[in-house]
């Protein structure tokens, strides 16, 4: 930021705090949208621990964050690890599967060819 009375460390600390608070708010909003049980209750923990709900919850977070113009890279990587496909991510972001993959896929092209089992012609 050039010559400033505010230190870069103070700005970095504030940015980290903002990221943490935004993440907590996004969790609460996902609960509200999904009509989840009261946070912290037994039913809430039971619902959050099932594999299907993890993917569903991440897709809801992605949809909310996308509408708010947030950076989705981390949540998309988590959703992919939880088994979400590009079509599901595309649906959450109002994009096609191809558009969402093109925008957020960080896998090198060579690895994608190996994963698909298709022969690369070029």
Protein backbone atom coordinates (compact mmCIF):
# COMPACT_ATOMS: atom_id res chain seq x y z
CA UNK A 1 0.00 0.00 0.00
CA UNK A 2 3.01 2.30 -0.24
CA UNK A 3 3.79 4.84 2.46
CA UNK A 4 1.06 4.43 5.04
CA UNK A 5 0.60 4.68 8.76
CA UNK A 6 -1.05 1.25 8.67
CA UNK A 7 1.30 -1.72 8.74
CA UNK A 8 1.01 -4.56 6.27
CA UNK A 9 0.83 -6.97 9.21
CA UNK A 10 -2.22 -5.16 10.60
CA UNK A 11 -3.91 -5.34 7.19
CA UNK A 12 -3.08 -9.05 6.86
CA UNK A 13 -4.51 -9.71 10.34
CA UNK A 14 -7.69 -7.80 9.50
CA UNK A 15 -8.05 -9.71 6.21
CA UNK A 16 -7.68 -13.04 8.02
CA UNK A 17 -10.32 -12.03 10.56
CA UNK A 18 -12.67 -10.96 7.76
CA UNK A 19 -12.16 -14.32 6.03
CA UNK A 20 -12.95 -16.21 9.24
CA UNK A 21 -16.07 -14.14 9.96
CA UNK A 22 -17.31 -14.45 6.37
CA UNK A 23 -16.85 -18.23 6.57
CA UNK A 24 -18.84 -18.42 9.82
CA UNK A 25 -21.59 -16.25 8.35
CA UNK A 26 -21.69 -18.38 5.23
CA UNK A 27 -22.13 -21.48 7.42
CA UNK A 28 -25.05 -19.85 9.25
CA UNK A 29 -26.66 -18.74 6.00
CA UNK A 30 -26.31 -22.24 4.56
CA UNK A 31 -28.05 -23.59 7.68
CA UNK A 32 -30.85 -21.08 7.24
CA UNK A 33 -31.29 -21.83 3.53
CA UNK A 34 -31.23 -25.57 4.15
CA UNK A 35 -33.66 -25.23 7.08
CA UNK A 36 -31.16 -27.03 9.28
CA UNK A 37 -31.83 -27.85 12.93
CA UNK A 38 -30.62 -25.44 15.59
CA UNK A 39 -26.82 -25.05 15.34
CA UNK A 40 -25.05 -27.09 17.98
CA UNK A 41 -27.99 -29.42 18.63
CA UNK A 42 -27.65 -33.21 18.33
CA UNK A 43 -29.76 -33.22 15.18
CA UNK A 44 -27.54 -30.52 13.66
CA UNK A 45 -24.34 -32.50 14.31
CA UNK A 46 -25.94 -35.73 13.07
CA UNK A 47 -27.04 -34.08 9.83
CA UNK A 48 -23.66 -32.46 9.23
CA UNK A 49 -21.75 -35.73 9.64
CA UNK A 50 -23.43 -37.61 6.79
CA UNK A 51 -21.50 -37.73 3.51
CA UNK A 52 -24.41 -36.65 1.33
CA UNK A 53 -25.12 -33.61 3.46
CA UNK A 54 -21.48 -32.50 3.31
CA UNK A 55 -21.66 -32.31 -0.47
CA UNK A 56 -25.13 -30.72 -0.36
CA UNK A 57 -24.00 -28.15 2.19
CA UNK A 58 -20.94 -27.23 0.12
CA UNK A 59 -23.10 -26.79 -2.96
CA UNK A 60 -25.42 -24.47 -0.99
CA UNK A 61 -22.39 -22.49 0.26
CA UNK A 62 -21.14 -22.21 -3.31
CA UNK A 63 -24.52 -20.99 -4.54
CA UNK A 64 -24.74 -18.33 -1.82
CA UNK A 65 -21.12 -17.21 -2.25
CA UNK A 66 -21.52 -17.08 -6.02
CA UNK A 67 -24.54 -14.80 -5.73
CA UNK A 68 -22.50 -12.57 -3.39
CA UNK A 69 -19.55 -12.54 -5.86
CA UNK A 70 -17.17 -14.26 -3.43
CA UNK A 71 -14.11 -16.27 -4.48
CA UNK A 72 -15.34 -19.85 -4.70
CA UNK A 73 -12.09 -21.73 -5.35
CA UNK A 74 -11.70 -23.21 -1.86
CA UNK A 75 -15.32 -24.32 -1.48
CA UNK A 76 -15.31 -25.78 -5.00
CA UNK A 77 -12.17 -27.78 -4.24
CA UNK A 78 -13.83 -29.06 -1.04
CA UNK A 79 -17.04 -29.91 -2.92
CA UNK A 80 -15.08 -31.78 -5.58
CA UNK A 81 -13.29 -33.75 -2.83
CA UNK A 82 -16.72 -34.53 -1.31
CA UNK A 83 -17.84 -36.00 -4.64
CA UNK A 84 -19.62 -33.08 -6.31
CA UNK A 85 -19.50 -33.18 -10.08
CA UNK A 86 -18.99 -30.25 -12.42
CA UNK A 87 -22.66 -30.39 -13.42
CA UNK A 88 -23.69 -29.95 -9.76
CA UNK A 89 -21.25 -27.09 -9.28
CA UNK A 90 -22.47 -25.57 -12.53
CA UNK A 91 -26.04 -25.78 -11.32
CA UNK A 92 -25.11 -24.08 -8.03
CA UNK A 93 -23.39 -21.25 -9.91
CA UNK A 94 -25.87 -20.97 -12.81
CA UNK A 95 -23.24 -22.18 -15.26
CA UNK A 96 -22.93 -25.26 -17.42
CA UNK A 97 -20.69 -28.11 -16.31
CA UNK A 98 -18.20 -27.12 -19.01
CA UNK A 99 -18.17 -23.47 -17.94
CA UNK A 100 -17.70 -24.31 -14.26
CA UNK A 101 -14.91 -26.78 -15.02
CA UNK A 102 -13.18 -24.30 -17.30
CA UNK A 103 -13.39 -21.60 -14.64
CA UNK A 104 -12.38 -23.55 -11.52
CA UNK A 105 -10.64 -26.79 -12.52
CA UNK A 106 -7.05 -26.67 -11.32
CA UNK A 107 -6.16 -30.19 -12.48
CA UNK A 108 -3.48 -30.18 -15.20
CA UNK A 109 -4.82 -31.18 -18.64
CA UNK A 110 -2.56 -34.27 -18.78
CA UNK A 111 -4.03 -35.58 -15.51
CA UNK A 112 -7.60 -35.01 -16.75
CA UNK A 113 -6.90 -37.12 -19.86
CA UNK A 114 -5.60 -39.95 -17.67
CA UNK A 115 -8.60 -39.72 -15.33
CA UNK A 116 -11.12 -39.84 -18.17
CA UNK A 117 -9.60 -42.99 -19.66
CA UNK A 118 -9.77 -41.40 -23.11
CA UNK A 119 -6.96 -41.53 -25.59
CA UNK A 120 -5.42 -38.14 -26.27
CA UNK A 121 -5.15 -37.58 -30.02
CA UNK A 122 -3.28 -34.28 -30.01
